């Protein structure tokens, strides 16, 4: 079984809390035996896959299979062409790991639901949006990448996993993948 879930902001990507009062995946009524395939930080939101099949996590997340994950990122400041080129080229060293090349482009502000709590705004500092598509996923990688090129992340939304795209579903909603969606994920991309 494979499930597509829109993880809300502030939810820990596990079923048991690290600290009292933390929101976890346990509150969303997933079938028994499912677990997250990959992660999104507690302060990130968007699409997350859950499944109950051993070995699928490796297949989905290992860069050798080239399963792309796409993020819409709101950053502090007006993103520059130089910064976008630096992100796309790869080679940023983050915690001893050199990033792989990726896709990075400026993006018009997407029609996302409001975040609770809202993103902080400062009158004197503009914000901008970009889209980043990666085939790797190190801990807090997108946030570290944008910071490394001088544009701290304010909001991070995973908009796609492979061919699965966010289509306006509400935060906290989930559904089982169709047979065609499942087949699309199982195809090796490289």
N, C-alpha and C. Protein backbone atom coordinates (compact mmCIF):
# COMPACT_ATOMS: atom_id res chain seq x y z
N UNK A 1 0.84 -1.18 0.00
CA UNK A 1 0.00 0.00 0.00
C UNK A 1 0.89 1.24 0.00
N UNK A 2 0.53 2.20 -0.84
CA UNK A 2 1.22 3.48 -0.88
C UNK A 2 0.19 4.59 -0.70
N UNK A 3 0.50 5.54 0.18
CA UNK A 3 -0.42 6.62 0.53
C UNK A 3 0.26 7.96 0.25
N UNK A 4 -0.49 8.88 -0.34
CA UNK A 4 -0.02 10.25 -0.55
C UNK A 4 -0.69 11.13 0.48
N UNK A 5 0.10 11.85 1.25
CA UNK A 5 -0.37 12.65 2.39
C UNK A 5 0.13 14.08 2.24
N UNK A 6 -0.73 15.03 2.56
CA UNK A 6 -0.31 16.44 2.62
C UNK A 6 0.00 16.74 4.08
N UNK A 7 1.30 16.70 4.42
CA UNK A 7 1.72 16.93 5.80
C UNK A 7 1.61 18.41 6.12
N UNK A 8 0.85 18.74 7.16
CA UNK A 8 0.77 20.14 7.57
C UNK A 8 2.05 20.61 8.26
N UNK A 9 2.22 21.91 8.29
CA UNK A 9 3.29 22.54 9.06
C UNK A 9 3.11 22.13 10.53
N UNK A 10 4.22 21.89 11.22
CA UNK A 10 4.18 21.63 12.65
C UNK A 10 3.94 20.18 13.03
N UNK A 11 3.92 19.27 12.05
CA UNK A 11 3.72 17.85 12.33
C UNK A 11 5.05 17.13 12.18
N UNK A 12 5.40 16.33 13.19
CA UNK A 12 6.62 15.54 13.17
C UNK A 12 6.40 14.33 12.26
N UNK A 13 7.38 13.99 11.46
CA UNK A 13 7.27 12.91 10.48
C UNK A 13 7.55 11.54 11.11
N UNK A 14 6.87 11.26 12.19
CA UNK A 14 6.95 9.96 12.87
C UNK A 14 5.67 9.79 13.68
N UNK A 15 5.48 8.59 14.21
CA UNK A 15 4.22 8.28 14.89
C UNK A 15 4.26 8.52 16.40
N UNK A 16 5.44 8.68 16.95
CA UNK A 16 5.54 8.95 18.39
C UNK A 16 6.28 10.27 18.60
N UNK A 17 5.83 11.08 19.55
CA UNK A 17 6.47 12.39 19.76
C UNK A 17 7.84 12.25 20.42
N UNK A 18 8.71 13.21 20.14
CA UNK A 18 9.99 13.30 20.84
C UNK A 18 9.81 14.03 22.16
N UNK A 19 8.81 14.91 22.20
CA UNK A 19 8.52 15.70 23.40
C UNK A 19 7.01 15.74 23.59
N UNK A 20 6.54 15.88 24.82
CA UNK A 20 5.09 15.98 25.04
C UNK A 20 4.48 17.15 24.27
N UNK A 21 3.31 16.92 23.72
CA UNK A 21 2.58 17.96 23.02
C UNK A 21 2.88 18.09 21.54
N UNK A 22 3.87 17.35 21.02
CA UNK A 22 4.18 17.43 19.60
C UNK A 22 3.11 16.72 18.77
N UNK A 23 2.77 17.32 17.65
CA UNK A 23 1.87 16.68 16.70
C UNK A 23 2.68 15.65 15.91
N UNK A 24 2.07 14.49 15.65
CA UNK A 24 2.74 13.43 14.90
C UNK A 24 1.78 12.86 13.85
N UNK A 25 2.29 11.93 13.06
CA UNK A 25 1.49 11.26 12.05
C UNK A 25 0.37 10.42 12.66
N UNK A 26 0.48 10.09 13.93
CA UNK A 26 -0.52 9.24 14.60
C UNK A 26 -1.92 9.86 14.59
N UNK A 27 -2.02 11.17 14.49
CA UNK A 27 -3.34 11.82 14.56
C UNK A 27 -4.14 11.75 13.25
N UNK A 28 -3.56 11.19 12.18
CA UNK A 28 -4.22 11.24 10.88
C UNK A 28 -4.90 9.94 10.45
N UNK A 29 -4.90 8.92 11.30
CA UNK A 29 -5.67 7.70 11.03
C UNK A 29 -5.16 6.83 9.90
N UNK A 30 -3.84 6.75 9.74
CA UNK A 30 -3.29 5.90 8.68
C UNK A 30 -3.50 4.43 9.03
N UNK A 31 -3.58 3.57 8.00
CA UNK A 31 -3.71 2.13 8.27
C UNK A 31 -2.51 1.60 9.07
N UNK A 32 -2.75 0.59 9.84
CA UNK A 32 -1.72 -0.03 10.66
C UNK A 32 -0.58 -0.54 9.77
N UNK A 33 0.65 -0.37 10.23
CA UNK A 33 1.82 -0.88 9.53
C UNK A 33 2.42 0.08 8.53
N UNK A 34 1.80 1.23 8.31
CA UNK A 34 2.40 2.19 7.36
C UNK A 34 3.45 3.03 8.07
N UNK A 35 4.40 3.50 7.29
CA UNK A 35 5.47 4.35 7.82
C UNK A 35 5.86 5.35 6.74
N UNK A 36 6.45 6.48 7.14
CA UNK A 36 6.83 7.49 6.14
C UNK A 36 7.97 7.01 5.24
N UNK A 37 7.84 7.29 3.96
CA UNK A 37 8.89 7.00 2.98
C UNK A 37 9.61 8.32 2.71
N UNK A 38 10.65 8.55 3.46
CA UNK A 38 11.31 9.84 3.44
C UNK A 38 10.78 10.69 4.58
N UNK A 39 11.18 11.94 4.60
CA UNK A 39 10.80 12.82 5.70
C UNK A 39 10.59 14.23 5.19
N UNK A 40 9.86 14.96 5.96
CA UNK A 40 9.77 16.41 5.84
C UNK A 40 9.97 16.95 7.24
N UNK A 41 10.77 17.98 7.39
CA UNK A 41 10.98 18.57 8.70
C UNK A 41 9.66 19.03 9.30
N UNK A 42 9.63 19.17 10.59
CA UNK A 42 8.42 19.61 11.28
C UNK A 42 7.97 20.98 10.76
N UNK A 43 8.93 21.84 10.39
CA UNK A 43 8.57 23.17 9.92
C UNK A 43 8.46 23.26 8.40
N UNK A 44 8.35 22.10 7.74
CA UNK A 44 8.08 22.04 6.30
C UNK A 44 6.71 21.40 6.11
N UNK A 45 6.16 21.58 4.94
CA UNK A 45 4.82 21.04 4.65
C UNK A 45 4.78 20.51 3.23
N UNK A 46 3.71 19.82 2.92
CA UNK A 46 3.53 19.34 1.56
C UNK A 46 3.45 17.83 1.48
N UNK A 47 3.73 17.32 0.28
CA UNK A 47 3.51 15.91 -0.01
C UNK A 47 4.53 14.99 0.66
N UNK A 48 3.98 13.91 1.20
CA UNK A 48 4.77 12.86 1.85
C UNK A 48 4.15 11.54 1.47
N UNK A 49 4.98 10.56 1.15
CA UNK A 49 4.48 9.21 0.89
C UNK A 49 4.61 8.36 2.13
N UNK A 50 3.64 7.50 2.35
CA UNK A 50 3.72 6.49 3.40
C UNK A 50 3.44 5.15 2.74
N UNK A 51 4.02 4.11 3.29
CA UNK A 51 3.81 2.78 2.73
C UNK A 51 4.00 1.71 3.78
N UNK A 52 3.80 0.47 3.35
CA UNK A 52 3.97 -0.66 4.26
C UNK A 52 4.82 -1.75 3.62
N UNK A 53 5.60 -1.38 2.58
CA UNK A 53 6.36 -2.37 1.84
C UNK A 53 7.86 -2.23 2.12
N UNK A 54 8.48 -3.27 2.66
CA UNK A 54 9.93 -3.21 2.93
C UNK A 54 10.72 -2.96 1.65
N UNK A 55 11.76 -2.14 1.75
CA UNK A 55 12.64 -1.88 0.63
C UNK A 55 12.21 -0.73 -0.26
N UNK A 56 10.96 -0.30 -0.17
CA UNK A 56 10.48 0.76 -1.05
C UNK A 56 11.14 2.09 -0.71
N UNK A 57 11.44 2.31 0.56
CA UNK A 57 12.09 3.54 1.01
C UNK A 57 13.41 3.74 0.27
N UNK A 58 14.22 2.70 0.21
CA UNK A 58 15.52 2.77 -0.47
C UNK A 58 15.32 3.08 -1.96
N UNK A 59 14.40 2.39 -2.59
CA UNK A 59 14.14 2.58 -4.02
C UNK A 59 13.69 4.02 -4.31
N UNK A 60 12.88 4.56 -3.45
CA UNK A 60 12.34 5.90 -3.67
C UNK A 60 13.38 7.00 -3.40
N UNK A 61 14.24 6.80 -2.40
CA UNK A 61 15.12 7.88 -1.94
C UNK A 61 16.56 7.83 -2.43
N UNK A 62 17.04 6.69 -2.88
CA UNK A 62 18.43 6.60 -3.32
C UNK A 62 18.60 7.37 -4.63
N UNK A 63 19.56 8.31 -4.70
CA UNK A 63 19.76 9.11 -5.91
C UNK A 63 19.99 8.29 -7.18
N UNK A 64 20.48 7.06 -7.06
CA UNK A 64 20.73 6.25 -8.26
C UNK A 64 19.44 5.98 -9.03
N UNK A 65 18.27 6.05 -8.37
CA UNK A 65 17.00 5.81 -9.05
C UNK A 65 16.37 7.09 -9.58
N UNK A 66 16.95 8.23 -9.26
CA UNK A 66 16.56 9.55 -9.80
C UNK A 66 15.08 9.88 -9.62
N UNK A 67 14.51 9.56 -8.47
CA UNK A 67 13.14 9.98 -8.18
C UNK A 67 13.19 11.43 -7.70
N UNK A 68 12.70 12.30 -8.52
CA UNK A 68 12.78 13.73 -8.24
C UNK A 68 11.73 14.15 -7.22
N UNK A 69 12.14 15.05 -6.34
CA UNK A 69 11.24 15.68 -5.38
C UNK A 69 11.33 17.19 -5.61
N UNK A 70 10.17 17.82 -5.76
CA UNK A 70 10.11 19.23 -6.11
C UNK A 70 9.59 20.04 -4.94
N UNK A 71 10.23 21.17 -4.70
CA UNK A 71 9.89 22.04 -3.57
C UNK A 71 9.61 23.45 -4.06
N UNK A 72 8.61 24.08 -3.47
CA UNK A 72 8.37 25.51 -3.65
C UNK A 72 8.91 26.16 -2.40
N UNK A 73 9.80 27.13 -2.58
CA UNK A 73 10.53 27.69 -1.46
C UNK A 73 10.38 29.21 -1.45
N UNK A 74 9.87 29.73 -0.35
CA UNK A 74 9.82 31.18 -0.16
C UNK A 74 11.07 31.56 0.62
N UNK A 75 11.83 32.50 0.05
CA UNK A 75 13.09 32.92 0.67
C UNK A 75 13.05 34.40 1.00
N UNK A 76 13.91 34.76 1.92
CA UNK A 76 14.07 36.16 2.29
C UNK A 76 14.96 36.83 1.25
N UNK A 77 14.48 37.92 0.66
CA UNK A 77 15.23 38.64 -0.35
C UNK A 77 14.75 38.31 -1.75
N UNK A 78 15.21 39.09 -2.71
CA UNK A 78 14.88 38.88 -4.14
C UNK A 78 15.92 37.92 -4.70
N UNK A 79 15.51 36.71 -5.01
CA UNK A 79 16.45 35.69 -5.49
C UNK A 79 17.11 36.16 -6.78
N UNK A 80 18.41 35.97 -6.87
CA UNK A 80 19.17 36.44 -8.03
C UNK A 80 19.45 35.28 -8.99
N UNK A 81 19.73 35.64 -10.24
CA UNK A 81 20.11 34.64 -11.25
C UNK A 81 21.38 33.92 -10.83
N UNK A 82 22.30 34.64 -10.19
CA UNK A 82 23.55 34.03 -9.73
C UNK A 82 23.28 32.98 -8.66
N UNK A 83 22.38 33.29 -7.73
CA UNK A 83 22.05 32.33 -6.67
C UNK A 83 21.36 31.10 -7.26
N UNK A 84 20.45 31.31 -8.21
CA UNK A 84 19.77 30.18 -8.85
C UNK A 84 20.77 29.29 -9.59
N UNK A 85 21.71 29.91 -10.28
CA UNK A 85 22.74 29.14 -10.99
C UNK A 85 23.60 28.35 -10.00
N UNK A 86 23.92 28.96 -8.86
CA UNK A 86 24.71 28.28 -7.84
C UNK A 86 23.98 27.08 -7.26
N UNK A 87 22.67 27.20 -7.07
CA UNK A 87 21.87 26.08 -6.57
C UNK A 87 21.85 24.95 -7.61
N UNK A 88 21.56 25.32 -8.87
CA UNK A 88 21.39 24.33 -9.93
C UNK A 88 22.69 23.58 -10.25
N UNK A 89 23.82 24.25 -10.16
CA UNK A 89 25.10 23.65 -10.54
C UNK A 89 25.51 22.49 -9.64
N UNK A 90 24.99 22.48 -8.41
CA UNK A 90 25.46 21.48 -7.46
C UNK A 90 26.81 21.90 -6.92
N UNK A 91 27.39 21.06 -6.11
CA UNK A 91 28.72 21.35 -5.59
C UNK A 91 28.74 22.17 -4.32
N UNK A 92 27.56 22.57 -3.80
CA UNK A 92 27.54 23.25 -2.51
C UNK A 92 27.92 22.23 -1.44
N UNK A 93 28.80 22.59 -0.54
CA UNK A 93 29.20 21.67 0.52
C UNK A 93 28.37 21.98 1.75
N UNK A 94 27.55 21.00 2.13
CA UNK A 94 26.66 21.12 3.29
C UNK A 94 26.96 19.98 4.24
N UNK A 95 27.46 20.29 5.39
CA UNK A 95 27.80 19.28 6.40
C UNK A 95 28.66 18.16 5.82
N UNK A 96 29.67 18.54 5.03
CA UNK A 96 30.60 17.57 4.47
C UNK A 96 30.09 16.85 3.23
N UNK A 97 28.88 17.14 2.78
CA UNK A 97 28.32 16.51 1.59
C UNK A 97 28.25 17.53 0.46
N UNK A 98 28.70 17.15 -0.72
CA UNK A 98 28.64 18.02 -1.90
C UNK A 98 27.33 17.72 -2.63
N UNK A 99 26.51 18.77 -2.81
CA UNK A 99 25.20 18.57 -3.45
C UNK A 99 25.35 18.21 -4.92
N UNK A 100 24.38 17.44 -5.40
CA UNK A 100 24.30 17.09 -6.81
C UNK A 100 23.64 18.22 -7.58
N UNK A 101 23.85 18.31 -8.88
CA UNK A 101 23.12 19.30 -9.68
C UNK A 101 21.61 19.08 -9.53
N UNK A 102 20.87 20.15 -9.66
CA UNK A 102 19.41 20.07 -9.52
C UNK A 102 18.78 21.10 -10.45
N UNK A 103 17.48 21.14 -10.44
CA UNK A 103 16.78 22.20 -11.17
C UNK A 103 16.42 23.29 -10.17
N UNK A 104 16.65 24.55 -10.53
CA UNK A 104 16.30 25.68 -9.67
C UNK A 104 15.87 26.83 -10.56
N UNK A 105 14.70 27.38 -10.27
CA UNK A 105 14.17 28.48 -11.09
C UNK A 105 13.32 29.39 -10.23
N UNK A 106 13.25 30.67 -10.63
CA UNK A 106 12.35 31.60 -9.95
C UNK A 106 10.91 31.15 -10.21
N UNK A 107 10.02 31.47 -9.29
CA UNK A 107 8.64 31.01 -9.35
C UNK A 107 7.73 32.15 -8.93
N UNK A 108 6.63 32.33 -9.63
CA UNK A 108 5.61 33.27 -9.16
C UNK A 108 5.03 32.72 -7.86
N UNK A 109 4.59 33.58 -6.95
CA UNK A 109 4.05 33.05 -5.69
C UNK A 109 2.92 32.05 -5.95
N UNK A 110 3.07 30.80 -5.48
CA UNK A 110 2.06 29.79 -5.73
C UNK A 110 0.81 30.03 -4.88
N UNK A 111 -0.30 29.48 -5.31
CA UNK A 111 -1.58 29.62 -4.60
C UNK A 111 -1.68 28.56 -3.52
N UNK A 112 -0.90 28.73 -2.47
CA UNK A 112 -0.91 27.80 -1.34
C UNK A 112 -1.89 28.29 -0.28
N UNK A 113 -2.44 27.35 0.50
CA UNK A 113 -3.26 27.80 1.62
C UNK A 113 -2.41 28.55 2.63
N UNK A 114 -3.01 29.44 3.41
CA UNK A 114 -2.24 30.15 4.43
C UNK A 114 -1.61 29.15 5.41
N UNK A 115 -0.44 29.50 5.89
CA UNK A 115 0.23 28.64 6.87
C UNK A 115 -0.14 29.11 8.26
N UNK A 116 -0.29 28.16 9.17
CA UNK A 116 -0.58 28.46 10.57
C UNK A 116 0.54 27.89 11.42
N UNK A 117 1.38 28.72 12.03
CA UNK A 117 1.35 30.18 12.06
C UNK A 117 1.86 30.75 10.74
N UNK A 118 1.48 32.00 10.44
CA UNK A 118 1.93 32.60 9.19
C UNK A 118 3.43 32.83 9.17
N UNK A 119 3.97 32.94 7.96
CA UNK A 119 5.38 33.26 7.77
C UNK A 119 5.62 34.69 8.25
N UNK A 120 6.74 34.92 8.92
CA UNK A 120 7.04 36.28 9.39
C UNK A 120 7.43 37.15 8.21
N UNK A 121 6.94 38.35 8.22
CA UNK A 121 7.27 39.31 7.17
C UNK A 121 7.94 40.52 7.79
N UNK A 122 8.92 41.08 7.07
CA UNK A 122 9.57 42.31 7.49
C UNK A 122 9.40 43.31 6.36
N UNK A 123 8.88 44.46 6.67
CA UNK A 123 8.57 45.47 5.65
C UNK A 123 9.78 45.85 4.81
N UNK A 124 10.94 45.90 5.42
CA UNK A 124 12.14 46.36 4.72
C UNK A 124 12.81 45.28 3.88
N UNK A 125 12.39 44.02 4.02
CA UNK A 125 13.04 42.92 3.30
C UNK A 125 11.99 42.18 2.47
N UNK A 126 12.11 42.22 1.14
CA UNK A 126 11.16 41.50 0.30
C UNK A 126 11.38 39.99 0.37
N UNK A 127 10.44 39.25 -0.14
CA UNK A 127 10.60 37.80 -0.25
C UNK A 127 10.40 37.41 -1.71
N UNK A 128 10.86 36.24 -2.05
CA UNK A 128 10.64 35.71 -3.39
C UNK A 128 10.48 34.19 -3.30
N UNK A 129 9.99 33.61 -4.38
CA UNK A 129 9.73 32.17 -4.45
C UNK A 129 10.62 31.54 -5.51
N UNK A 130 11.02 30.30 -5.26
CA UNK A 130 11.73 29.53 -6.25
C UNK A 130 11.26 28.09 -6.20
N UNK A 131 11.53 27.38 -7.27
CA UNK A 131 11.24 25.95 -7.33
C UNK A 131 12.57 25.23 -7.43
N UNK A 132 12.75 24.23 -6.57
CA UNK A 132 13.96 23.41 -6.57
C UNK A 132 13.53 21.96 -6.70
N UNK A 133 14.15 21.23 -7.62
CA UNK A 133 13.86 19.81 -7.81
C UNK A 133 15.15 19.03 -7.62
N UNK A 134 15.13 18.11 -6.67
CA UNK A 134 16.30 17.32 -6.27
C UNK A 134 16.05 15.84 -6.48
N UNK A 135 17.14 15.07 -6.62
CA UNK A 135 17.02 13.61 -6.60
C UNK A 135 17.69 13.04 -5.34
N UNK A 136 18.15 13.92 -4.49
CA UNK A 136 18.75 13.51 -3.22
C UNK A 136 18.01 14.23 -2.11
N UNK A 137 18.22 13.82 -0.88
CA UNK A 137 17.52 14.47 0.21
C UNK A 137 18.25 14.32 1.53
N UNK A 138 19.25 15.12 1.72
CA UNK A 138 19.96 15.14 3.00
C UNK A 138 19.16 15.94 4.01
N UNK A 139 19.49 15.80 5.27
CA UNK A 139 18.78 16.49 6.35
C UNK A 139 18.75 18.00 6.11
N UNK A 140 17.55 18.56 6.02
CA UNK A 140 17.32 20.00 5.85
C UNK A 140 18.08 20.57 4.65
N UNK A 141 18.22 19.77 3.61
CA UNK A 141 19.06 20.14 2.48
C UNK A 141 18.60 21.41 1.78
N UNK A 142 17.32 21.53 1.46
CA UNK A 142 16.87 22.71 0.72
C UNK A 142 17.12 23.97 1.54
N UNK A 143 16.81 23.93 2.82
CA UNK A 143 17.05 25.09 3.69
C UNK A 143 18.54 25.46 3.73
N UNK A 144 19.37 24.45 3.83
CA UNK A 144 20.81 24.71 3.87
C UNK A 144 21.33 25.23 2.53
N UNK A 145 20.76 24.73 1.44
CA UNK A 145 21.18 25.20 0.11
C UNK A 145 20.84 26.68 -0.08
N UNK A 146 19.60 27.06 0.23
CA UNK A 146 19.23 28.47 0.02
C UNK A 146 20.04 29.38 0.93
N UNK A 147 20.30 28.94 2.16
CA UNK A 147 21.12 29.75 3.07
C UNK A 147 22.54 29.88 2.54
N UNK A 148 23.07 28.81 1.94
CA UNK A 148 24.44 28.83 1.43
C UNK A 148 24.63 29.83 0.30
N UNK A 149 23.55 30.14 -0.44
CA UNK A 149 23.66 31.13 -1.51
C UNK A 149 23.10 32.49 -1.07
N UNK A 150 22.85 32.64 0.24
CA UNK A 150 22.50 33.94 0.80
C UNK A 150 21.02 34.27 0.88
N UNK A 151 20.15 33.25 0.78
CA UNK A 151 18.71 33.50 0.81
C UNK A 151 18.04 32.51 1.78
N UNK A 152 17.89 32.90 3.06
CA UNK A 152 17.29 32.00 4.04
C UNK A 152 15.85 31.62 3.68
N UNK A 153 15.52 30.37 3.92
CA UNK A 153 14.17 29.86 3.65
C UNK A 153 13.19 30.33 4.71
N UNK A 154 12.04 30.81 4.27
CA UNK A 154 10.95 31.20 5.16
C UNK A 154 9.83 30.16 5.17
N UNK A 155 9.52 29.60 4.00
CA UNK A 155 8.47 28.58 3.88
C UNK A 155 8.93 27.55 2.87
N UNK A 156 8.71 26.28 3.21
CA UNK A 156 9.13 25.18 2.35
C UNK A 156 7.96 24.23 2.16
N UNK A 157 7.59 24.03 0.90
CA UNK A 157 6.43 23.20 0.55
C UNK A 157 6.86 22.20 -0.51
N UNK A 158 6.75 20.88 -0.21
CA UNK A 158 7.06 19.87 -1.22
C UNK A 158 5.83 19.74 -2.11
N UNK A 159 5.99 20.13 -3.37
CA UNK A 159 4.86 20.17 -4.29
C UNK A 159 4.74 18.92 -5.16
N UNK A 160 5.80 18.12 -5.25
CA UNK A 160 5.74 16.93 -6.09
C UNK A 160 6.75 15.88 -5.63
N UNK A 161 6.37 14.63 -5.85
CA UNK A 161 7.26 13.48 -5.67
C UNK A 161 7.14 12.70 -6.97
N UNK A 162 8.18 12.73 -7.78
CA UNK A 162 8.08 12.13 -9.11
C UNK A 162 6.96 12.81 -9.89
N UNK A 163 6.06 11.99 -10.44
CA UNK A 163 4.94 12.52 -11.21
C UNK A 163 3.74 12.89 -10.34
N UNK A 164 3.81 12.61 -9.05
CA UNK A 164 2.71 12.94 -8.14
C UNK A 164 2.81 14.42 -7.76
N UNK A 165 1.79 15.18 -8.07
CA UNK A 165 1.81 16.63 -7.84
C UNK A 165 0.68 17.05 -6.91
N UNK A 166 0.97 18.07 -6.11
CA UNK A 166 -0.06 18.64 -5.25
C UNK A 166 -1.13 19.26 -6.14
N UNK A 167 -2.39 18.93 -5.87
CA UNK A 167 -3.50 19.40 -6.70
C UNK A 167 -4.53 20.15 -5.88
N UNK A 168 -4.08 20.85 -4.84
CA UNK A 168 -4.99 21.65 -4.04
C UNK A 168 -5.59 20.91 -2.86
N UNK A 169 -5.10 19.71 -2.57
CA UNK A 169 -5.62 18.97 -1.42
C UNK A 169 -5.39 19.75 -0.13
N UNK A 170 -6.25 19.53 0.83
CA UNK A 170 -6.17 20.23 2.12
C UNK A 170 -5.07 19.62 3.00
N UNK A 171 -4.47 20.47 3.82
CA UNK A 171 -3.48 20.00 4.79
C UNK A 171 -4.11 18.93 5.66
N UNK A 172 -3.39 17.83 5.86
CA UNK A 172 -3.88 16.73 6.69
C UNK A 172 -4.64 15.67 5.92
N UNK A 173 -4.94 15.90 4.64
CA UNK A 173 -5.68 14.91 3.86
C UNK A 173 -4.73 13.85 3.30
N UNK A 174 -5.27 12.66 3.05
CA UNK A 174 -4.47 11.60 2.46
C UNK A 174 -5.36 10.67 1.65
N UNK A 175 -4.71 9.94 0.74
CA UNK A 175 -5.41 8.97 -0.09
C UNK A 175 -4.43 7.89 -0.55
N UNK A 176 -4.96 6.73 -0.87
CA UNK A 176 -4.13 5.66 -1.41
C UNK A 176 -3.87 5.95 -2.89
N UNK A 177 -2.67 5.62 -3.36
CA UNK A 177 -2.33 5.85 -4.75
C UNK A 177 -3.12 4.91 -5.66
N UNK A 178 -3.45 5.40 -6.84
CA UNK A 178 -4.09 4.57 -7.85
C UNK A 178 -3.04 3.61 -8.43
N UNK A 179 -3.49 2.61 -9.16
CA UNK A 179 -2.58 1.65 -9.79
C UNK A 179 -1.64 2.36 -10.77
N UNK A 180 -2.17 3.33 -11.53
CA UNK A 180 -1.33 4.06 -12.50
C UNK A 180 -0.29 4.91 -11.78
N UNK A 181 -0.66 5.57 -10.68
CA UNK A 181 0.30 6.38 -9.92
C UNK A 181 1.39 5.50 -9.32
N UNK A 182 1.00 4.36 -8.83
CA UNK A 182 1.96 3.42 -8.26
C UNK A 182 2.95 2.96 -9.32
N UNK A 183 2.46 2.62 -10.50
CA UNK A 183 3.34 2.18 -11.60
C UNK A 183 4.30 3.29 -12.00
N UNK A 184 3.83 4.50 -12.02
CA UNK A 184 4.68 5.65 -12.36
C UNK A 184 5.84 5.76 -11.38
N UNK A 185 5.57 5.58 -10.10
CA UNK A 185 6.62 5.65 -9.08
C UNK A 185 7.61 4.51 -9.20
N UNK A 186 7.14 3.33 -9.59
CA UNK A 186 8.00 2.16 -9.64
C UNK A 186 8.95 2.15 -10.84
N UNK A 187 8.68 2.99 -11.83
CA UNK A 187 9.58 3.06 -12.98
C UNK A 187 10.88 3.74 -12.58
N UNK A 188 11.97 3.11 -12.93
CA UNK A 188 13.29 3.73 -12.68
C UNK A 188 13.44 4.91 -13.61
N UNK A 189 13.83 6.05 -13.08
CA UNK A 189 13.90 7.28 -13.87
C UNK A 189 15.21 7.47 -14.61
N UNK A 190 16.28 6.84 -14.18
CA UNK A 190 17.58 7.08 -14.82
C UNK A 190 17.86 6.06 -15.89
